Amino acid sequence: MLNKWTNALKPEDTKLKEFEMLKYFVTGYFNTGYSWSELEERTIAFRDDEKPEYTIQLKRSLSKLQELINNGDQKRWVEVQKYIYELSMRDLEFKRGQEFIDRVNNALDS
């Protein structure tokens, strides 16, 4: 699986800068050391530990992800997926995207 993402895209090479905070969250708070059952707990830790503007930026990234789902843009999703996977080793699949967005947003708002 690692070879699948070794040529991950860099934000300066594409327009992935809008997902930098999402990558930061997944890399630091929801990497593969944590299970999906811990997603809310890890999101609350992020919200409580980080600056409020980081939460705002993460919510913006989630909104952009939601747009990809709403538009069925799986090609763009894969670009984001590769970008996130590069450091976090977390494979955020399109089919779990809505669940991820909803759970993180709910935890941020709790």
PDB file of N, CA and C in Angstrom:
ATOM      1  N   MET A   1       0.824  -1.198   0.000  1.00  0.00           N
ATOM      2  CA  MET A   1       0.000   0.000   0.000  1.00  0.00           C
ATOM      3  C   MET A   1       0.866   1.258   0.000  1.00  0.00           C
ATOM      4  N   LEU A   2       1.987   1.230   0.679  1.00  0.00           N
ATOM      5  CA  LEU A   2       2.833   2.416   0.748  1.00  0.00           C
ATOM      6  C   LEU A   2       3.209   2.907  -0.647  1.00  0.00           C
ATOM      7  N   ASN A   3       3.537   2.005  -1.547  1.00  0.00           N
ATOM      8  CA  ASN A   3       3.935   2.410  -2.891  1.00  0.00           C
ATOM      9  C   ASN A   3       2.829   3.127  -3.641  1.00  0.00           C
ATOM     10  N   LYS A   4       1.601   2.863  -3.272  1.00  0.00           N
ATOM     11  CA  LYS A   4       0.461   3.499  -3.925  1.00  0.00           C
ATOM     12  C   LYS A   4       0.523   5.018  -3.817  1.00  0.00           C
ATOM     13  N   TRP A   5       1.106   5.529  -2.723  1.00  0.00           N
ATOM     14  CA  TRP A   5       1.071   6.967  -2.472  1.00  0.00           C
ATOM     15  C   TRP A   5       2.454   7.623  -2.440  1.00  0.00           C
ATOM     16  N   THR A   6       3.486   6.939  -2.857  1.00  0.00           N
ATOM     17  CA  THR A   6       4.831   7.499  -2.714  1.00  0.00           C
ATOM     18  C   THR A   6       5.047   8.762  -3.525  1.00  0.00           C
ATOM     19  N   ASN A   7       4.313   8.958  -4.568  1.00  0.00           N
ATOM     20  CA  ASN A   7       4.446  10.171  -5.371  1.00  0.00           C
ATOM     21  C   ASN A   7       3.369  11.182  -4.997  1.00  0.00           C
ATOM     22  N   ALA A   8       3.128  11.316  -3.719  1.00  0.00           N
ATOM     23  CA  ALA A   8       2.087  12.235  -3.244  1.00  0.00           C
ATOM     24  C   ALA A   8       2.363  13.651  -3.724  1.00  0.00           C
ATOM     25  N   LEU A   9       1.301  14.340  -4.000  1.00  0.00           N
ATOM     26  CA  LEU A   9       1.402  15.694  -4.532  1.00  0.00           C
ATOM     27  C   LEU A   9       1.739  16.690  -3.432  1.00  0.00           C
ATOM     28  N   LYS A  10       2.487  17.695  -3.786  1.00  0.00           N
ATOM     29  CA  LYS A  10       2.843  18.767  -2.855  1.00  0.00           C
ATOM     30  C   LYS A  10       1.862  19.919  -3.041  1.00  0.00           C
ATOM     31  N   PRO A  11       1.538  20.641  -1.968  1.00  0.00           N
ATOM     32  CA  PRO A  11       0.563  21.718  -2.105  1.00  0.00           C
ATOM     33  C   PRO A  11       1.010  22.810  -3.060  1.00  0.00           C
ATOM     34  N   GLU A  12       2.320  23.045  -3.151  1.00  0.00           N
ATOM     35  CA  GLU A  12       2.777  24.082  -4.064  1.00  0.00           C
ATOM     36  C   GLU A  12       2.657  23.636  -5.521  1.00  0.00           C
ATOM     37  N   ASP A  13       2.603  22.315  -5.759  1.00  0.00           N
ATOM     38  CA  ASP A  13       2.482  21.789  -7.112  1.00  0.00           C
ATOM     39  C   ASP A  13       1.029  21.764  -7.579  1.00  0.00           C
ATOM     40  N   THR A  14       0.124  21.731  -6.663  1.00  0.00           N
ATOM     41  CA  THR A  14      -1.302  21.690  -6.975  1.00  0.00           C
ATOM     42  C   THR A  14      -1.969  22.801  -6.183  1.00  0.00           C
ATOM     43  N   LYS A  15      -3.233  22.725  -6.043  1.00  0.00           N
ATOM     44  CA  LYS A  15      -3.934  23.727  -5.238  1.00  0.00           C
ATOM     45  C   LYS A  15      -4.458  23.062  -3.974  1.00  0.00           C
ATOM     46  N   LEU A  16      -3.558  22.441  -3.247  1.00  0.00           N
ATOM     47  CA  LEU A  16      -3.938  21.699  -2.051  1.00  0.00           C
ATOM     48  C   LEU A  16      -3.713  22.489  -0.770  1.00  0.00           C
ATOM     49  N   LYS A  17      -3.272  23.712  -0.862  1.00  0.00           N
ATOM     50  CA  LYS A  17      -3.017  24.506   0.344  1.00  0.00           C
ATOM     51  C   LYS A  17      -4.252  24.618   1.225  1.00  0.00           C
ATOM     52  N   GLU A  18      -5.437  24.607   0.624  1.00  0.00           N
ATOM     53  CA  GLU A  18      -6.668  24.716   1.403  1.00  0.00           C
ATOM     54  C   GLU A  18      -6.894  23.499   2.302  1.00  0.00           C
ATOM     55  N   PHE A  19      -6.096  22.456   2.115  1.00  0.00           N
ATOM     56  CA  PHE A  19      -6.221  21.253   2.928  1.00  0.00           C
ATOM     57  C   PHE A  19      -5.049  21.071   3.901  1.00  0.00           C
ATOM     58  N   GLU A  20      -4.220  22.093   4.067  1.00  0.00           N
ATOM     59  CA  GLU A  20      -3.064  21.977   4.961  1.00  0.00           C
ATOM     60  C   GLU A  20      -3.477  21.692   6.404  1.00  0.00           C
ATOM     61  N   MET A  21      -4.521  22.360   6.888  1.00  0.00           N
ATOM     62  CA  MET A  21      -4.937  22.131   8.274  1.00  0.00           C
ATOM     63  C   MET A  21      -5.539  20.741   8.439  1.00  0.00           C
ATOM     64  N   LEU A  22      -6.213  20.260   7.420  1.00  0.00           N
ATOM     65  CA  LEU A  22      -6.727  18.893   7.462  1.00  0.00           C
ATOM     66  C   LEU A  22      -5.561  17.916   7.570  1.00  0.00           C
ATOM     67  N   LYS A  23      -4.523  18.155   6.790  1.00  0.00           N
ATOM     68  CA  LYS A  23      -3.339  17.292   6.856  1.00  0.00           C
ATOM     69  C   LYS A  23      -2.700  17.380   8.242  1.00  0.00           C
ATOM     70  N   TYR A  24      -2.619  18.574   8.783  1.00  0.00           N
ATOM     71  CA  TYR A  24      -2.064  18.762  10.125  1.00  0.00           C
ATOM     72  C   TYR A  24      -2.881  17.976  11.152  1.00  0.00           C
ATOM     73  N   PHE A  25      -4.195  18.075  11.065  1.00  0.00           N
ATOM     74  CA  PHE A  25      -5.070  17.351  11.990  1.00  0.00           C
ATOM     75  C   PHE A  25      -4.880  15.839  11.863  1.00  0.00           C
ATOM     76  N   VAL A  26      -4.931  15.337  10.651  1.00  0.00           N
ATOM     77  CA  VAL A  26      -4.823  13.892  10.456  1.00  0.00           C
ATOM     78  C   VAL A  26      -3.434  13.396  10.838  1.00  0.00           C
ATOM     79  N   THR A  27      -2.406  14.132  10.500  1.00  0.00           N
ATOM     80  CA  THR A  27      -1.041  13.721  10.822  1.00  0.00           C
ATOM     81  C   THR A  27      -0.789  13.726  12.325  1.00  0.00           C
ATOM     82  N   GLY A  28      -1.232  14.770  12.995  1.00  0.00           N
ATOM     83  CA  GLY A  28      -0.927  14.913  14.411  1.00  0.00           C
ATOM     84  C   GLY A  28      -1.930  14.306  15.369  1.00  0.00           C
ATOM     85  N   TYR A  29      -3.182  14.247  14.960  1.00  0.00           N
ATOM     86  CA  TYR A  29      -4.237  13.848  15.891  1.00  0.00           C
ATOM     87  C   TYR A  29      -4.995  12.595  15.484  1.00  0.00           C
ATOM     88  N   PHE A  30      -4.970  12.225  14.221  1.00  0.00           N
ATOM     89  CA  PHE A  30      -5.743  11.059  13.780  1.00  0.00           C
ATOM     90  C   PHE A  30      -4.952  10.211  12.795  1.00  0.00           C
ATOM     91  N   ASN A  31      -3.679  10.024  13.097  1.00  0.00           N
ATOM     92  CA  ASN A  31      -2.860   9.170  12.239  1.00  0.00           C
ATOM     93  C   ASN A  31      -3.213   7.709  12.498  1.00  0.00           C
ATOM     94  N   THR A  32      -2.507   6.806  11.872  1.00  0.00           N
ATOM     95  CA  THR A  32      -2.862   5.391  11.974  1.00  0.00           C
ATOM     96  C   THR A  32      -2.613   4.799  13.356  1.00  0.00           C
ATOM     97  N   GLY A  33      -2.068   5.573  14.265  1.00  0.00           N
ATOM     98  CA  GLY A  33      -1.940   5.113  15.645  1.00  0.00           C
ATOM     99  C   GLY A  33      -3.273   5.119  16.378  1.00  0.00           C
ATOM    100  N   TYR A  34      -4.290   5.687  15.741  1.00  0.00           N
ATOM    101  CA  TYR A  34      -5.623   5.788  16.344  1.00  0.00           C
ATOM    102  C   TYR A  34      -6.638   5.095  15.454  1.00  0.00           C
ATOM    103  N   SER A  35      -7.655   4.540  16.091  1.00  0.00           N
ATOM    104  CA  SER A  35      -8.709   3.865  15.330  1.00  0.00           C
ATOM    105  C   SER A  35      -9.859   4.831  15.047  1.00  0.00           C
ATOM    106  N   TRP A  36     -10.725   4.416  14.140  1.00  0.00           N
ATOM    107  CA  TRP A  36     -11.893   5.236  13.807  1.00  0.00           C
ATOM    108  C   TRP A  36     -12.786   5.448  15.029  1.00  0.00           C
ATOM    109  N   SER A  37     -12.765   4.525  15.967  1.00  0.00           N
ATOM    110  CA  SER A  37     -13.589   4.686  17.173  1.00  0.00           C
ATOM    111  C   SER A  37     -13.091   5.831  18.050  1.00  0.00           C
ATOM    112  N   GLU A  38     -11.870   6.298  17.813  1.00  0.00           N
ATOM    113  CA  GLU A  38     -11.292   7.395  18.588  1.00  0.00           C
ATOM    114  C   GLU A  38     -11.386   8.750  17.884  1.00  0.00           C
ATOM    115  N   LEU A  39     -12.058   8.803  16.750  1.00  0.00           N
ATOM    116  CA  LEU A  39     -12.083  10.028  15.950  1.00  0.00           C
ATOM    117  C   LEU A  39     -12.628  11.222  16.725  1.00  0.00           C
ATOM    118  N   GLU A  40     -13.749  11.068  17.388  1.00  0.00           N
ATOM    119  CA  GLU A  40     -14.315  12.190  18.137  1.00  0.00           C
ATOM    120  C   GLU A  40     -13.388  12.635  19.263  1.00  0.00           C
ATOM    121  N   GLU A  41     -12.849  11.684  19.984  1.00  0.00           N
ATOM    122  CA  GLU A  41     -11.925  11.998  21.086  1.00  0.00           C
ATOM    123  C   GLU A  41     -10.707  12.770  20.578  1.00  0.00           C
ATOM    124  N   ARG A  42     -10.155  12.329  19.460  1.00  0.00           N
ATOM    125  CA  ARG A  42      -8.981  12.987  18.891  1.00  0.00           C
ATOM    126  C   ARG A  42      -9.329  14.381  18.358  1.00  0.00           C
ATOM    127  N   THR A  43     -10.538  14.524  17.819  1.00  0.00           N
ATOM    128  CA  THR A  43     -10.985  15.827  17.320  1.00  0.00           C
ATOM    129  C   THR A  43     -11.150  16.810  18.468  1.00  0.00           C
ATOM    130  N   ILE A  44     -11.718  16.356  19.566  1.00  0.00           N
ATOM    131  CA  ILE A  44     -11.885  17.216  20.743  1.00  0.00           C
ATOM    132  C   ILE A  44     -10.519  17.609  21.302  1.00  0.00           C
ATOM    133  N   ALA A  45      -9.568  16.675  21.290  1.00  0.00           N
ATOM    134  CA  ALA A  45      -8.205  17.000  21.733  1.00  0.00           C
ATOM    135  C   ALA A  45      -7.615  18.096  20.850  1.00  0.00           C
ATOM    136  N   PHE A  46      -7.810  17.992  19.548  1.00  0.00           N
ATOM    137  CA  PHE A  46      -7.348  19.028  18.622  1.00  0.00           C
ATOM    138  C   PHE A  46      -7.989  20.367  18.972  1.00  0.00           C
ATOM    139  N   ARG A  47      -9.296  20.375  19.099  1.00  0.00           N
ATOM    140  CA  ARG A  47     -10.027  21.611  19.393  1.00  0.00           C
ATOM    141  C   ARG A  47      -9.540  22.250  20.689  1.00  0.00           C
ATOM    142  N   ASP A  48      -9.320  21.430  21.706  1.00  0.00           N
ATOM    143  CA  ASP A  48      -8.924  21.943  23.017  1.00  0.00           C
ATOM    144  C   ASP A  48      -7.451  22.340  23.093  1.00  0.00           C
ATOM    145  N   ASP A  49      -6.601  21.673  22.321  1.00  0.00           N
ATOM    146  CA  ASP A  49      -5.159  21.916  22.385  1.00  0.00           C
ATOM    147  C   ASP A  49      -4.678  23.039  21.470  1.00  0.00           C
ATOM    148  N   GLU A  50      -5.338  23.205  20.351  1.00  0.00           N
ATOM    149  CA  GLU A  50      -4.849  24.118  19.321  1.00  0.00           C
ATOM    150  C   GLU A  50      -5.524  25.488  19.405  1.00  0.00           C
ATOM    151  N   LYS A  51      -4.964  26.431  18.687  1.00  0.00           N
ATOM    152  CA  LYS A  51      -5.519  27.782  18.630  1.00  0.00           C
ATOM    153  C   LYS A  51      -6.900  27.742  17.978  1.00  0.00           C
ATOM    154  N   PRO A  52      -7.818  28.613  18.409  1.00  0.00           N
ATOM    155  CA  PRO A  52      -9.162  28.638  17.810  1.00  0.00           C
ATOM    156  C   PRO A  52      -9.141  28.816  16.292  1.00  0.00           C
ATOM    157  N   GLU A  53      -8.184  29.574  15.779  1.00  0.00           N
ATOM    158  CA  GLU A  53      -8.139  29.762  14.325  1.00  0.00           C
ATOM    159  C   GLU A  53      -7.818  28.466  13.590  1.00  0.00           C
ATOM    160  N   TYR A  54      -7.145  27.525  14.266  1.00  0.00           N
ATOM    161  CA  TYR A  54      -6.884  26.224  13.652  1.00  0.00           C
ATOM    162  C   TYR A  54      -8.185  25.450  13.470  1.00  0.00           C
ATOM    163  N   THR A  55      -9.066  25.559  14.455  1.00  0.00           N
ATOM    164  CA  THR A  55     -10.373  24.913  14.343  1.00  0.00           C
ATOM    165  C   THR A  55     -11.145  25.506  13.175  1.00  0.00           C
ATOM    166  N   ILE A  56     -11.088  26.808  13.030  1.00  0.00           N
ATOM    167  CA  ILE A  56     -11.769  27.480  11.917  1.00  0.00           C
ATOM    168  C   ILE A  56     -11.192  26.999  10.585  1.00  0.00           C
ATOM    169  N   GLN A  57      -9.877  26.909  10.509  1.00  0.00           N
ATOM    170  CA  GLN A  57      -9.235  26.441   9.275  1.00  0.00           C
ATOM    171  C   GLN A  57      -9.601  24.989   8.971  1.00  0.00           C
ATOM    172  N   LEU A  58      -9.668  24.159  10.010  1.00  0.00           N
ATOM    173  CA  LEU A  58     -10.052  22.764   9.804  1.00  0.00           C
ATOM    174  C   LEU A  58     -11.483  22.688   9.278  1.00  0.00           C
ATOM    175  N   LYS A  59     -12.374  23.486   9.840  1.00  0.00           N
ATOM    176  CA  LYS A  59     -13.759  23.498   9.367  1.00  0.00           C
ATOM    177  C   LYS A  59     -13.839  23.948   7.905  1.00  0.00           C
ATOM    178  N   ARG A  60     -12.987  24.871   7.510  1.00  0.00           N
ATOM    179  CA  ARG A  60     -12.941  25.290   6.096  1.00  0.00           C
ATOM    180  C   ARG A  60     -12.499  24.128   5.205  1.00  0.00           C
ATOM    181  N   SER A  61     -11.495  23.399   5.662  1.00  0.00           N
ATOM    182  CA  SER A  61     -11.040  22.231   4.900  1.00  0.00           C
ATOM    183  C   SER A  61     -12.152  21.199   4.772  1.00  0.00           C
ATOM    184  N   LEU A  62     -12.879  20.988   5.855  1.00  0.00           N
ATOM    185  CA  LEU A  62     -13.990  20.033   5.824  1.00  0.00           C
ATOM    186  C   LEU A  62     -15.077  20.496   4.864  1.00  0.00           C
ATOM    187  N   SER A  63     -15.302  21.789   4.822  1.00  0.00           N
ATOM    188  CA  SER A  63     -16.281  22.347   3.888  1.00  0.00           C
ATOM    189  C   SER A  63     -15.856  22.095   2.441  1.00  0.00           C
ATOM    190  N   LYS A  64     -14.568  22.241   2.180  1.00  0.00           N
ATOM    191  CA  LYS A  64     -14.045  21.959   0.834  1.00  0.00           C
ATOM    192  C   LYS A  64     -14.185  20.476   0.498  1.00  0.00           C
ATOM    193  N   LEU A  65     -13.941  19.611   1.482  1.00  0.00           N
ATOM    194  CA  LEU A  65     -14.144  18.176   1.267  1.00  0.00           C
ATOM    195  C   LEU A  65     -15.604  17.890   0.956  1.00  0.00           C
ATOM    196  N   GLN A  66     -16.501  18.553   1.676  1.00  0.00           N
ATOM    197  CA  GLN A  66     -17.929  18.367   1.452  1.00  0.00           C
ATOM    198  C   GLN A  66     -18.303  18.742   0.019  1.00  0.00           C
ATOM    199  N   GLU A  67     -17.703  19.803  -0.490  1.00  0.00           N
ATOM    200  CA  GLU A  67     -17.948  20.203  -1.883  1.00  0.00           C
ATOM    201  C   GLU A  67     -17.537  19.090  -2.847  1.00  0.00           C
ATOM    202  N   LEU A  68     -16.418  18.440  -2.564  1.00  0.00           N
ATOM    203  CA  LEU A  68     -15.972  17.347  -3.429  1.00  0.00           C
ATOM    204  C   LEU A  68     -16.982  16.208  -3.426  1.00  0.00           C
ATOM    205  N   ILE A  69     -17.510  15.885  -2.257  1.00  0.00           N
ATOM    206  CA  ILE A  69     -18.521  14.831  -2.158  1.00  0.00           C
ATOM    207  C   ILE A  69     -19.787  15.246  -2.898  1.00  0.00           C
ATOM    208  N   ASN A  70     -20.239  16.456  -2.631  1.00  0.00           N
ATOM    209  CA  ASN A  70     -21.470  16.940  -3.269  1.00  0.00           C
ATOM    210  C   ASN A  70     -21.371  16.929  -4.789  1.00  0.00           C
ATOM    211  N   ASN A  71     -20.175  17.202  -5.298  1.00  0.00           N
ATOM    212  CA  ASN A  71     -19.954  17.233  -6.746  1.00  0.00           C
ATOM    213  C   ASN A  71     -19.527  15.880  -7.314  1.00  0.00           C
ATOM    214  N   GLY A  72     -19.348  14.887  -6.436  1.00  0.00           N
ATOM    215  CA  GLY A  72     -18.900  13.573  -6.890  1.00  0.00           C
ATOM    216  C   GLY A  72     -17.513  13.606  -7.503  1.00  0.00           C
ATOM    217  N   ASP A  73     -16.682  14.532  -7.056  1.00  0.00           N
ATOM    218  CA  ASP A  73     -15.355  14.747  -7.632  1.00  0.00           C
ATOM    219  C   ASP A  73     -14.329  13.797  -7.003  1.00  0.00           C
ATOM    220  N   GLN A  74     -14.384  12.547  -7.425  1.00  0.00           N
ATOM    221  CA  GLN A  74     -13.475  11.548  -6.866  1.00  0.00           C
ATOM    222  C   GLN A  74     -12.032  11.765  -7.320  1.00  0.00           C
ATOM    223  N   LYS A  75     -11.847  12.333  -8.492  1.00  0.00           N
ATOM    224  CA  LYS A  75     -10.482  12.595  -8.972  1.00  0.00           C
ATOM    225  C   LYS A  75      -9.775  13.584  -8.042  1.00  0.00           C
ATOM    226  N   ARG A  76     -10.438  14.667  -7.737  1.00  0.00           N
ATOM    227  CA  ARG A  76      -9.859  15.675  -6.826  1.00  0.00           C
ATOM    228  C   ARG A  76      -9.699  15.086  -5.427  1.00  0.00           C
ATOM    229  N   TRP A  77     -10.667  14.265  -5.010  1.00  0.00           N
ATOM    230  CA  TRP A  77     -10.584  13.618  -3.697  1.00  0.00           C
ATOM    231  C   TRP A  77      -9.294  12.805  -3.597  1.00  0.00           C
ATOM    232  N   VAL A  78      -8.967  12.069  -4.646  1.00  0.00           N
ATOM    233  CA  VAL A  78      -7.756  11.238  -4.638  1.00  0.00           C
ATOM    234  C   VAL A  78      -6.513  12.107  -4.481  1.00  0.00           C
ATOM    235  N   GLU A  79      -6.502  13.290  -5.090  1.00  0.00           N
ATOM    236  CA  GLU A  79      -5.374  14.205  -4.904  1.00  0.00           C
ATOM    237  C   GLU A  79      -5.233  14.588  -3.432  1.00  0.00           C
ATOM    238  N   VAL A  80      -6.347  14.920  -2.804  1.00  0.00           N
ATOM    239  CA  VAL A  80      -6.338  15.279  -1.382  1.00  0.00           C
ATOM    240  C   VAL A  80      -5.931  14.070  -0.552  1.00  0.00           C
ATOM    241  N   GLN A  81      -6.462  12.915  -0.900  1.00  0.00           N
ATOM    242  CA  GLN A  81      -6.165  11.671  -0.191  1.00  0.00           C
ATOM    243  C   GLN A  81      -4.660  11.388  -0.210  1.00  0.00           C
ATOM    244  N   LYS A  82      -4.041  11.534  -1.357  1.00  0.00           N
ATOM    245  CA  LYS A  82      -2.591  11.307  -1.473  1.00  0.00           C
ATOM    246  C   LYS A  82      -1.810  12.315  -0.636  1.00  0.00           C
ATOM    247  N   TYR A  83      -2.244  13.553  -0.683  1.00  0.00           N
ATOM    248  CA  TYR A  83      -1.586  14.621   0.072  1.00  0.00           C
ATOM    249  C   TYR A  83      -1.631  14.335   1.571  1.00  0.00           C
ATOM    250  N   ILE A  84      -2.767  13.892   2.066  1.00  0.00           N
ATOM    251  CA  ILE A  84      -2.926  13.584   3.491  1.00  0.00           C
ATOM    252  C   ILE A  84      -2.138  12.330   3.862  1.00  0.00           C
ATOM    253  N   TYR A  85      -2.175  11.339   3.005  1.00  0.00           N
ATOM    254  CA  TYR A  85      -1.526  10.061   3.280  1.00  0.00           C
ATOM    255  C   TYR A  85      -0.013  10.190   3.426  1.00  0.00           C
ATOM    256  N   GLU A  86       0.556  11.128   2.713  1.00  0.00           N
ATOM    257  CA  GLU A  86       2.011  11.270   2.634  1.00  0.00           C
ATOM    258  C   GLU A  86       2.703  11.216   3.999  1.00  0.00           C
ATOM    259  N   LEU A  87       2.217  11.932   4.976  1.00  0.00           N
ATOM    260  CA  LEU A  87       2.841  11.942   6.301  1.00  0.00           C
ATOM    261  C   LEU A  87       2.055  11.154   7.342  1.00  0.00           C
ATOM    262  N   SER A  88       0.755  11.073   7.173  1.00  0.00           N
ATOM    263  CA  SER A  88      -0.081  10.477   8.220  1.00  0.00           C
ATOM    264  C   SER A  88      -0.261   8.974   8.067  1.00  0.00           C
ATOM    265  N   MET A  89      -0.075   8.477   6.850  1.00  0.00           N
ATOM    266  CA  MET A  89      -0.340   7.078   6.518  1.00  0.00           C
ATOM    267  C   MET A  89      -1.824   6.735   6.692  1.00  0.00           C
ATOM    268  N   ARG A  90      -2.660   7.743   6.840  1.00  0.00           N
ATOM    269  CA  ARG A  90      -4.108   7.543   6.972  1.00  0.00           C
ATOM    270  C   ARG A  90      -4.717   7.625   5.577  1.00  0.00           C
ATOM    271  N   ASP A  91      -5.401   6.563   5.180  1.00  0.00           N
ATOM    272  CA  ASP A  91      -6.024   6.493   3.862  1.00  0.00           C
ATOM    273  C   ASP A  91      -7.491   6.906   3.993  1.00  0.00           C
ATOM    274  N   LEU A  92      -7.776   8.147   3.695  1.00  0.00           N
ATOM    275  CA  LEU A  92      -9.124   8.693   3.820  1.00  0.00           C
ATOM    276  C   LEU A  92      -9.878   8.460   2.516  1.00  0.00           C
ATOM    277  N   GLU A  93     -10.640   7.379   2.488  1.00  0.00           N
ATOM    278  CA  GLU A  93     -11.331   6.975   1.270  1.00  0.00           C
ATOM    279  C   GLU A  93     -12.582   7.807   1.022  1.00  0.00           C
ATOM    280  N   PHE A  94     -12.911   7.974  -0.237  1.00  0.00           N
ATOM    281  CA  PHE A  94     -14.089   8.743  -0.647  1.00  0.00           C
ATOM    282  C   PHE A  94     -15.352   8.186   0.004  1.00  0.00           C
ATOM    283  N   LYS A  95     -15.463   6.849   0.054  1.00  0.00           N
ATOM    284  CA  LYS A  95     -16.684   6.224   0.582  1.00  0.00           C
ATOM    285  C   LYS A  95     -16.883   6.505   2.074  1.00  0.00           C
ATOM    286  N   ARG A  96     -15.826   6.841   2.786  1.00  0.00           N
ATOM    287  CA  ARG A  96     -15.951   7.181   4.212  1.00  0.00           C
ATOM    288  C   ARG A  96     -15.890   8.684   4.445  1.00  0.00           C
ATOM    289  N   GLY A  97     -15.812   9.434   3.379  1.00  0.00           N
ATOM    290  CA  GLY A  97     -15.655  10.875   3.483  1.00  0.00           C
ATOM    291  C   GLY A  97     -16.766  11.571   4.236  1.00  0.00           C
ATOM    292  N   GLN A  98     -18.014  11.235   3.910  1.00  0.00           N
ATOM    293  CA  GLN A  98     -19.133  11.897   4.572  1.00  0.00           C
ATOM    294  C   GLN A  98     -19.139  11.594   6.065  1.00  0.00           C
ATOM    295  N   GLU A  99     -18.874  10.341   6.404  1.00  0.00           N
ATOM    296  CA  GLU A  99     -18.801   9.958   7.818  1.00  0.00           C
ATOM    297  C   GLU A  99     -17.711  10.760   8.534  1.00  0.00           C
ATOM    298  N   PHE A 100     -16.546  10.847   7.925  1.00  0.00           N
ATOM    299  CA  PHE A 100     -15.431  11.584   8.510  1.00  0.00           C
ATOM    300  C   PHE A 100     -15.809  13.043   8.727  1.00  0.00           C
ATOM    301  N   ILE A 101     -16.338  13.685   7.704  1.00  0.00           N
ATOM    302  CA  ILE A 101     -16.716  15.100   7.790  1.00  0.00           C
ATOM    303  C   ILE A 101     -17.741  15.319   8.896  1.00  0.00           C
ATOM    304  N   ASP A 102     -18.777  14.501   8.909  1.00  0.00           N
ATOM    305  CA  ASP A 102     -19.843  14.665   9.907  1.00  0.00           C
ATOM    306  C   ASP A 102     -19.327  14.465  11.324  1.00  0.00           C
ATOM    307  N   ARG A 103     -18.540  13.435  11.521  1.00  0.00           N
ATOM    308  CA  ARG A 103     -18.052  13.143  12.871  1.00  0.00           C
ATOM    309  C   ARG A 103     -17.092  14.214  13.374  1.00  0.00           C
ATOM    310  N   VAL A 104     -16.206  14.696  12.514  1.00  0.00           N
ATOM    311  CA  VAL A 104     -15.265  15.738  12.932  1.00  0.00           C
ATOM    312  C   VAL A 104     -16.010  17.040  13.198  1.00  0.00           C
ATOM    313  N   ASN A 105     -16.903  17.425  12.300  1.00  0.00           N
ATOM    314  CA  ASN A 105     -17.676  18.657  12.523  1.00  0.00           C
ATOM    315  C   ASN A 105     -18.477  18.592  13.818  1.00  0.00           C
ATOM    316  N   ASN A 106     -19.134  17.473  14.063  1.00  0.00           N
ATOM    317  CA  ASN A 106     -19.923  17.330  15.297  1.00  0.00           C
ATOM    318  C   ASN A 106     -19.046  17.433  16.536  1.00  0.00           C
ATOM    319  N   ALA A 107     -17.881  16.815  16.494  1.00  0.00           N
ATOM    320  CA  ALA A 107     -16.972  16.874  17.644  1.00  0.00           C
ATOM    321  C   ALA A 107     -16.424  18.288  17.840  1.00  0.00           C
ATOM    322  N   LEU A 108     -16.121  18.976  16.763  1.00  0.00           N
ATOM    323  CA  LEU A 108     -15.630  20.353  16.884  1.00  0.00           C
ATOM    324  C   LEU A 108     -16.690  21.267  17.488  1.00  0.00           C
ATOM    325  N   ASP A 109     -17.946  20.990  17.191  1.00  0.00           N
ATOM    326  CA  ASP A 109     -19.051  21.823  17.673  1.00  0.00           C
ATOM    327  C   ASP A 109     -19.564  21.427  19.054  1.00  0.00           C
ATOM    328  N   SER A 110     -19.087  20.312  19.580  1.00  0.00           N
ATOM    329  CA  SER A 110     -19.615  19.832  20.878  1.00  0.00           C
ATOM    330  C   SER A 110     -19.064  20.630  22.052  1.00  0.00           C
TER     331      SER A 110
END
